Structures are given as structure tokens and as C-alpha cells.
C-alpha atoms as a PDB file:
ATOM      1  CA  MET A   1     158.555 119.128 122.891  1.00  0.00           C
ATOM      2  CA  ALA A   2     160.397 119.847 119.633  1.00  0.00           C
ATOM      3  CA  ALA A   3     162.345 117.029 118.006  1.00  0.00           C
ATOM      4  CA  THR A   4     166.119 117.388 118.203  1.00  0.00           C
ATOM      5  CA  GLY A   5     167.073 115.317 115.153  1.00  0.00           C
ATOM      6  CA  LYS A   6     165.890 114.050 111.820  1.00  0.00           C
ATOM      7  CA  SER A   7     163.228 111.374 111.825  1.00  0.00           C
ATOM      8  CA  LYS A   8     163.783 108.132 109.931  1.00  0.00           C
ATOM      9  CA  ARG A   9     161.401 109.226 107.206  1.00  0.00           C
ATOM     10  CA  ASP A  10     163.121 112.614 106.811  1.00  0.00           C
ATOM     11  CA  THR A  11     166.441 110.839 106.419  1.00  0.00           C
ATOM     12  CA  TYR A  12     164.991 108.381 103.914  1.00  0.00           C
ATOM     13  CA  ARG A  13     163.665 111.230 101.776  1.00  0.00           C
ATOM     14  CA  HIS A  14     167.261 112.366 101.413  1.00  0.00           C
ATOM     15  CA  GLY A  15     168.395 109.120  99.863  1.00  0.00           C
ATOM     16  CA  ASP A  16     169.123 106.691 102.702  1.00  0.00           C
ATOM     17  CA  LEU A  17     166.090 104.452 102.208  1.00  0.00           C
ATOM     18  CA  ARG A  18     167.934 102.092  99.876  1.00  0.00           C
ATOM     19  CA  ASN A  19     170.614 101.401 102.476  1.00  0.00           C
ATOM     20  CA  ALA A  20     167.999 101.182 105.222  1.00  0.00           C
ATOM     21  CA  LEU A  21     166.146  98.511 103.263  1.00  0.00           C
ATOM     22  CA  ILE A  22     169.359  96.573 102.680  1.00  0.00           C
ATOM     23  CA  GLU A  23     170.139  96.713 106.410  1.00  0.00           C
ATOM     24  CA  ALA A  24     166.605  95.555 107.153  1.00  0.00           C
ATOM     25  CA  GLY A  25     167.076  92.741 104.633  1.00  0.00           C
ATOM     26  CA  LEU A  26     170.310  91.706 106.319  1.00  0.00           C
ATOM     27  CA  GLU A  27     168.527  91.406 109.654  1.00  0.00           C
ATOM     28  CA  LEU A  28     165.810  89.302 108.043  1.00  0.00           C
ATOM     29  CA  ALA A  29     168.447  87.134 106.361  1.00  0.00           C
ATOM     30  CA  ARG A  30     170.337  86.694 109.609  1.00  0.00           C
ATOM     31  CA  GLU A  31     167.290  85.053 111.152  1.00  0.00           C
ATOM     32  CA  GLY A  32     165.801  83.248 108.173  1.00  0.00           C
ATOM     33  CA  GLY A  33     168.242  83.109 105.280  1.00  0.00           C
ATOM     34  CA  PRO A  34     167.403  84.288 101.745  1.00  0.00           C
ATOM     35  CA  GLU A  35     163.810  83.074 101.936  1.00  0.00           C
ATOM     36  CA  ALA A  36     163.095  85.615 104.688  1.00  0.00           C
ATOM     37  CA  VAL A  37     164.115  88.617 102.553  1.00  0.00           C
ATOM     38  CA  VAL A  38     160.846  90.018 101.211  1.00  0.00           C
ATOM     39  CA  LEU A  39     159.961  93.604 100.357  1.00  0.00           C
ATOM     40  CA  ARG A  40     156.983  93.955 102.700  1.00  0.00           C
ATOM     41  CA  ALA A  41     158.924  92.683 105.717  1.00  0.00           C
ATOM     42  CA  ALA A  42     161.911  94.903 104.878  1.00  0.00           C
ATOM     43  CA  THR A  43     159.774  98.034 104.558  1.00  0.00           C
ATOM     44  CA  ARG A  44     157.982  97.214 107.804  1.00  0.00           C
ATOM     45  CA  GLN A  45     161.324  96.832 109.587  1.00  0.00           C
ATOM     46  CA  ALA A  46     162.596 100.079 108.039  1.00  0.00           C
ATOM     47  CA  GLY A  47     159.434 101.874 109.133  1.00  0.00           C
ATOM     48  CA  VAL A  48     158.122 102.944 105.718  1.00  0.00           C
ATOM     49  CA  VAL A  49     155.121 102.046 103.580  1.00  0.00           C
ATOM     50  CA  PRO A  50     155.593  99.062 101.215  1.00  0.00           C
ATOM     51  CA  ASN A  51     155.350 101.126  98.034  1.00  0.00           C
ATOM     52  CA  ALA A  52     158.376 103.201  99.087  1.00  0.00           C
ATOM     53  CA  ALA A  53     160.664 100.267  98.321  1.00  0.00           C
ATOM     54  CA  TYR A  54     159.854 100.332  94.618  1.00  0.00           C
ATOM     55  CA  ARG A  55     161.713 103.610  94.184  1.00  0.00           C
ATOM     56  CA  HIS A  56     164.914 101.651  94.815  1.00  0.00           C
ATOM     57  CA  PHE A  57     164.144  98.001  94.002  1.00  0.00           C
ATOM     58  CA  ALA A  58     162.047  96.838  91.073  1.00  0.00           C
ATOM     59  CA  ASP A  59     161.014  93.655  92.863  1.00  0.00           C
ATOM     60  CA  ARG A  60     161.955  91.196  95.599  1.00  0.00           C
ATOM     61  CA  ALA A  61     164.701  89.689  93.435  1.00  0.00           C
ATOM     62  CA  ALA A  62     166.432  93.068  93.187  1.00  0.00           C
ATOM     63  CA  LEU A  63     166.318  93.569  96.960  1.00  0.00           C
ATOM     64  CA  LEU A  64     167.528  90.026  97.594  1.00  0.00           C
ATOM     65  CA  HIS A  65     170.443  90.551  95.217  1.00  0.00           C
ATOM     66  CA  ALA A  66     171.484  93.725  97.056  1.00  0.00           C
ATOM     67  CA  VAL A  67     171.222  91.952 100.412  1.00  0.00           C
ATOM     68  CA  SER A  68     173.167  88.976  99.050  1.00  0.00           C
ATOM     69  CA  GLN A  69     175.984  91.263  97.899  1.00  0.00           C
ATOM     70  CA  ALA A  70     176.025  93.054 101.266  1.00  0.00           C
ATOM     71  CA  ALA A  71     176.238  89.682 103.015  1.00  0.00           C
ATOM     72  CA  MET A  72     179.099  88.674 100.711  1.00  0.00           C
ATOM     73  CA  ALA A  73     180.920  91.866 101.670  1.00  0.00           C
ATOM     74  CA  ARG A  74     180.608  90.797 105.302  1.00  0.00           C
ATOM     75  CA  VAL A  75     182.176  87.457 104.427  1.00  0.00           C
ATOM     76  CA  ALA A  76     185.077  89.368 102.871  1.00  0.00           C
ATOM     77  CA  ARG A  77     185.465  91.611 105.924  1.00  0.00           C
ATOM     78  CA  THR A  78     185.560  88.593 108.233  1.00  0.00           C
ATOM     79  CA  MET A  79     188.304  87.058 106.092  1.00  0.00           C
ATOM     80  CA  GLU A  80     190.205  90.366 106.149  1.00  0.00           C
ATOM     81  CA  ALA A  81     189.849  90.535 109.942  1.00  0.00           C
ATOM     82  CA  GLU A  82     191.224  87.002 110.246  1.00  0.00           C
ATOM     83  CA  GLN A  83     194.275  88.047 108.238  1.00  0.00           C
ATOM     84  CA  ALA A  84     194.679  91.311 110.156  1.00  0.00           C
ATOM     85  CA  ALA A  85     194.742  89.401 113.459  1.00  0.00           C
ATOM     86  CA  LEU A  86     197.746  87.323 112.408  1.00  0.00           C
ATOM     87  CA  PRO A  87     200.928  87.977 114.374  1.00  0.00           C
ATOM     88  CA  ASP A  88     203.795  89.652 112.553  1.00  0.00           C
ATOM     89  CA  ARG A  89     206.173  87.105 111.063  1.00  0.00           C
ATOM     90  CA  SER A  90     209.767  87.704 110.066  1.00  0.00           C
ATOM     91  CA  ASP A  91     209.663  84.781 107.631  1.00  0.00           C
ATOM     92  CA  PRO A  92     207.871  85.894 104.410  1.00  0.00           C
ATOM     93  CA  ALA A  93     207.059  82.306 103.465  1.00  0.00           C
ATOM     94  CA  ALA A  94     205.441  81.627 106.834  1.00  0.00           C
ATOM     95  CA  ALA A  95     203.509  84.897 106.554  1.00  0.00           C
ATOM     96  CA  ALA A  96     202.198  83.973 103.090  1.00  0.00           C
ATOM     97  CA  ARG A  97     201.119  80.555 104.327  1.00  0.00           C
ATOM     98  CA  ALA A  98     199.379  82.074 107.335  1.00  0.00           C
ATOM     99  CA  ARG A  99     197.527  84.577 105.155  1.00  0.00           C
ATOM    100  CA  PHE A 100     196.347  81.771 102.892  1.00  0.00           C
ATOM    101  CA  ARG A 101     195.089  79.726 105.821  1.00  0.00           C
ATOM    102  CA  ALA A 102     193.371  82.787 107.320  1.00  0.00           C
ATOM    103  CA  VAL A 103     191.289  83.119 104.144  1.00  0.00           C
ATOM    104  CA  GLY A 104     189.848  79.670 104.851  1.00  0.00           C
ATOM    105  CA  THR A 105     189.474  79.992 108.617  1.00  0.00           C
ATOM    106  CA  GLY A 106     187.791  83.396 108.257  1.00  0.00           C
ATOM    107  CA  TYR A 107     185.379  81.984 105.674  1.00  0.00           C
ATOM    108  CA  LEU A 108     184.481  79.071 107.933  1.00  0.00           C
ATOM    109  CA  ARG A 109     184.136  81.294 110.998  1.00  0.00           C
ATOM    110  CA  PHE A 110     181.612  83.476 109.197  1.00  0.00           C
ATOM    111  CA  ALA A 111     179.623  80.413 108.094  1.00  0.00           C
ATOM    112  CA  ARG A 112     179.442  79.076 111.657  1.00  0.00           C
ATOM    113  CA  GLU A 113     178.683  82.428 113.314  1.00  0.00           C
ATOM    114  CA  GLU A 114     176.289  83.820 110.675  1.00  0.00           C
ATOM    115  CA  PRO A 115     174.657  80.861 108.891  1.00  0.00           C
ATOM    116  CA  GLY A 116     171.657  82.900 107.690  1.00  0.00           C
ATOM    117  CA  LEU A 117     173.877  85.557 106.144  1.00  0.00           C
ATOM    118  CA  PHE A 118     176.214  82.917 104.716  1.00  0.00           C
ATOM    119  CA  ARG A 119     173.324  81.189 102.957  1.00  0.00           C
ATOM    120  CA  THR A 120     172.120  84.540 101.653  1.00  0.00           C
ATOM    121  CA  ALA A 121     175.572  85.568 100.418  1.00  0.00           C
ATOM    122  CA  PHE A 122     175.609  82.549  98.112  1.00  0.00           C
ATOM    123  CA  HIS A 123     172.008  82.708  96.999  1.00  0.00           C
ATOM    124  CA  VAL A 124     171.852  82.607  93.185  1.00  0.00           C
ATOM    125  CA  PRO A 125     168.561  83.250  91.315  1.00  0.00           C
ATOM    126  CA  GLY A 126     167.339  80.326  89.253  1.00  0.00           C
ATOM    127  CA  ASP A 127     167.577  82.367  86.063  1.00  0.00           C
ATOM    128  CA  MET A 128     171.060  83.727  86.908  1.00  0.00           C
ATOM    129  CA  THR A 129     169.690  87.265  86.385  1.00  0.00           C
ATOM    130  CA  TYR A 130     172.155  88.981  88.679  1.00  0.00           C
ATOM    131  CA  ALA A 131     175.939  88.810  88.793  1.00  0.00           C
ATOM    132  CA  ALA A 132     178.332  89.816  91.562  1.00  0.00           C
ATOM    133  CA  ASP A 133     179.274  93.483  91.709  1.00  0.00           C
ATOM    134  CA  ASP A 134     181.562  95.774  93.680  1.00  0.00           C
ATOM    135  CA  SER A 135     179.183  95.853  96.651  1.00  0.00           C
ATOM    136  CA  ALA A 136     180.323  92.296  97.463  1.00  0.00           C
ATOM    137  CA  ALA A 137     183.829  93.522  98.352  1.00  0.00           C
ATOM    138  CA  GLY A 138     185.326  94.072 101.771  1.00  0.00           C
ATOM    139  CA  ALA A 139     187.324  97.004 103.104  1.00  0.00           C
ATOM    140  CA  SER A 140     190.223  96.187 100.778  1.00  0.00           C
ATOM    141  CA  GLY A 141     187.975  96.399  97.736  1.00  0.00           C
ATOM    142  CA  ARG A 142     188.319  92.646  97.158  1.00  0.00           C
ATOM    143  CA  THR A 143     185.605  90.007  97.148  1.00  0.00           C
ATOM    144  CA  PRO A 144     186.123  86.712  99.019  1.00  0.00           C
ATOM    145  CA  PHE A 145     187.164  85.049  95.753  1.00  0.00           C
ATOM    146  CA  GLU A 146     189.676  87.825  95.050  1.00  0.00           C
ATOM    147  CA  LEU A 147     191.094  87.552  98.582  1.00  0.00           C
ATOM    148  CA  LEU A 148     191.639  83.854  97.959  1.00  0.00           C
ATOM    149  CA  GLY A 149     193.345  84.590  94.646  1.00  0.00           C
ATOM    150  CA  GLU A 150     195.615  87.146  96.290  1.00  0.00           C
ATOM    151  CA  ALA A 151     196.596  84.645  98.994  1.00  0.00           C
ATOM    152  CA  LEU A 152     197.388  81.989  96.378  1.00  0.00           C
ATOM    153  CA  ASP A 153     199.529  84.478  94.472  1.00  0.00           C
ATOM    154  CA  GLY A 154     201.416  85.058  97.719  1.00  0.00           C
ATOM    155  CA  LEU A 155     202.173  81.334  97.956  1.00  0.00           C
ATOM    156  CA  VAL A 156     203.562  81.386  94.412  1.00  0.00           C
ATOM    157  CA  GLU A 157     205.732  84.421  95.171  1.00  0.00           C
ATOM    158  CA  GLN A 158     207.260  82.624  98.148  1.00  0.00           C
ATOM    159  CA  GLY A 159     207.880  79.383  96.281  1.00  0.00           C
ATOM    160  CA  LEU A 160     205.240  77.469  98.242  1.00  0.00           C
ATOM    161  CA  LEU A 161     203.044  76.817  95.216  1.00  0.00           C
ATOM    162  CA  PRO A 162     204.586  75.964  91.834  1.00  0.00           C
ATOM    163  CA  GLU A 163     203.601  78.549  89.257  1.00  0.00           C
ATOM    164  CA  GLU A 164     202.402  75.894  86.813  1.00  0.00           C
ATOM    165  CA  ARG A 165     199.883  74.673  89.429  1.00  0.00           C
ATOM    166  CA  ARG A 166     198.514  78.134  90.160  1.00  0.00           C
ATOM    167  CA  PRO A 167     195.860  78.328  87.376  1.00  0.00           C
ATOM    168  CA  GLY A 168     192.498  77.152  88.728  1.00  0.00           C
ATOM    169  CA  ALA A 169     193.746  76.635  92.276  1.00  0.00           C
ATOM    170  CA  GLU A 170     190.995  78.980  93.529  1.00  0.00           C
ATOM    171  CA  PHE A 171     188.331  76.499  92.465  1.00  0.00           C
ATOM    172  CA  LEU A 172     189.889  73.544  94.273  1.00  0.00           C
ATOM    173  CA  ALA A 173     190.386  75.547  97.469  1.00  0.00           C
ATOM    174  CA  TRP A 174     187.022  77.295  97.387  1.00  0.00           C
ATOM    175  CA  SER A 175     184.980  74.176  96.644  1.00  0.00           C
ATOM    176  CA  ALA A 176     186.594  72.241  99.493  1.00  0.00           C
ATOM    177  CA  VAL A 177     186.161  74.975 102.108  1.00  0.00           C
ATOM    178  CA  HIS A 178     182.663  75.875 100.948  1.00  0.00           C
ATOM    179  CA  GLY A 179     181.708  72.206 100.989  1.00  0.00           C
ATOM    180  CA  ILE A 180     182.624  71.696 104.627  1.00  0.00           C
ATOM    181  CA  ALA A 181     181.004  75.028 105.522  1.00  0.00           C
ATOM    182  CA  VAL A 182     177.688  73.811 104.093  1.00  0.00           C
ATOM    183  CA  LEU A 183     178.065  70.434 105.799  1.00  0.00           C
ATOM    184  CA  MET A 184     178.581  72.208 109.119  1.00  0.00           C
ATOM    185  CA  ILE A 185     175.604  74.551 108.892  1.00  0.00           C
ATOM    186  CA  ASP A 186     173.088  72.503 106.886  1.00  0.00           C
ATOM    187  CA  GLY A 187     174.402  68.954 106.734  1.00  0.00           C
ATOM    188  CA  PRO A 188     175.413  66.038 108.952  1.00  0.00           C
ATOM    189  CA  LEU A 189     178.288  67.986 110.555  1.00  0.00           C
ATOM    190  CA  ARG A 190     175.994  70.632 112.060  1.00  0.00           C
ATOM    191  CA  GLY A 191     176.101  68.841 115.406  1.00  0.00           C
ATOM    192  CA  LEU A 192     179.850  69.362 115.843  1.00  0.00           C
ATOM    193  CA  LEU A 193     180.963  71.259 118.907  1.00  0.00           C
ATOM    194  CA  PRO A 194     182.789  74.551 118.182  1.00  0.00           C
ATOM    195  CA  GLU A 195     186.231  73.048 118.812  1.00  0.00           C
ATOM    196  CA  GLN A 196     185.428  70.028 116.667  1.00  0.00           C
ATOM    197  CA  ALA A 197     184.229  72.304 113.865  1.00  0.00           C
ATOM    198  CA  ARG A 198     187.407  74.372 114.090  1.00  0.00           C
ATOM    199  CA  GLU A 199     189.590  71.249 113.931  1.00  0.00           C
ATOM    200  CA  ALA A 200     187.612  69.870 110.976  1.00  0.00           C
ATOM    201  CA  GLY A 201     188.126  73.134 109.120  1.00  0.00           C
ATOM    202  CA  GLU A 202     191.851  73.082 109.858  1.00  0.00           C
ATOM    203  CA  HIS A 203     192.096  69.524 108.512  1.00  0.00           C
ATOM    204  CA  VAL A 204     190.392  70.549 105.272  1.00  0.00           C
ATOM    205  CA  ILE A 205     192.776  73.486 104.869  1.00  0.00           C
ATOM    206  CA  ASP A 206     195.698  71.108 105.512  1.00  0.00           C
ATOM    207  CA  MET A 207     194.346  68.881 102.743  1.00  0.00           C
ATOM    208  CA  ILE A 208     194.050  71.836 100.374  1.00  0.00           C
ATOM    209  CA  GLU A 209     197.644  72.872 101.065  1.00  0.00           C
ATOM    210  CA  ARG A 210     198.850  69.394 100.215  1.00  0.00           C
ATOM    211  CA  GLY A 211     196.657  69.178  97.120  1.00  0.00           C
ATOM    212  CA  ILE A 212     197.414  72.426  95.339  1.00  0.00           C
END
């Protein structure tokens, strides 16, 4: 019987193999973190011969970087979804505060729900060869760090954060939220029940609000 659509390999010949390998890498990362992202396993999952990968990625490090950036984009989209789910508020100050908090709760939700991808998103090569690029952005075109910056700017605009305390506030907020995220997925807080983890995250965000 004649085939009714393009085979995977036909599609890959037309330029989709790179994305297919990244998707395969994301699935590997979901189960095993950055250590699981290897070229041979990705090509096997994508259904192509190992040498095919080298047309798009010079080595494992290049594939891992692309997968890391794709995972970071998923962090950003989860943060954006958390903000989009907020109820409409007539009070601009309350809306700005809610959007700021949603940046943190979305970040923590992704870490708890996708620990393998979260670890991969923040994988940094020992030689710092690769830097973040546009592929780490969400639907808004902003990376997680840029979404945080935008939310902090909103607090300043509404008088909730003094302008003189705005410089560097991203680093205080990010380090605190990232710290508890790591403690919850890889450290002594990994045994928390979902509700306990949510409450712990809320307490950290409360602390950040008081500290910035």
C-alpha cells in the first residue's frame, strides 16, 4: 500500500532534523537531566544514523547547549502561563505585585514538575563556551531573567519598589528562588509534599518582597 505522508527521514532531509534532535534531547533530559543528552541516544530516538547529527551539531556540547536553551524557553513559557492565569485586577499596584509573584511561582512550578529539564536549562559547560541566545526566550520573546526584570520594573512604576533599590534586584530575587528550587529537587527539601513545597516557595517570595 502506498504511503500517504512524508516519512521522518524525508522530512529530515528538508531541514527538520535539527529540531527533531533537539526534541529528542529534551525527552532524554526530562528523564535523566543534562548527563543523558548524548548524540548517539538523540539520533536513535529521532530515528536517524548517528553521523546525521554532525550536519547540525559539531559535538555533544553543541547539542546539549541547544537542548539547554530549549529547556530554558520552556521555563519562560511556564512563567508566562502563570502570569496569564492571573485574574484581572482593577488596582494597577496589585496587578504589578501579582505579576512579580507569578514570575517566582511559575519558576518554582517548572522546577518541581520538570526537574530533569530544569537541571538541563541551567547546565553551564565547564569552559563557559556557550552563552544564552534568543532560543531561550518564551512566547513573549523574553528569557526568564528578562521576565523577572520586567516584573521588577512594574513594581517600580507602581511605587512598590523604590527606584534607587531597583539596580541589581534581579540577582537577589533570582538567587533566592533558584536556591529553594534546587533544594526542593536535589537537596534536603525534596521530600516536601506538594502543598508544603508550594507554601515554602510562597514564603521565599514573601521574603524577597520584603528584602528588595
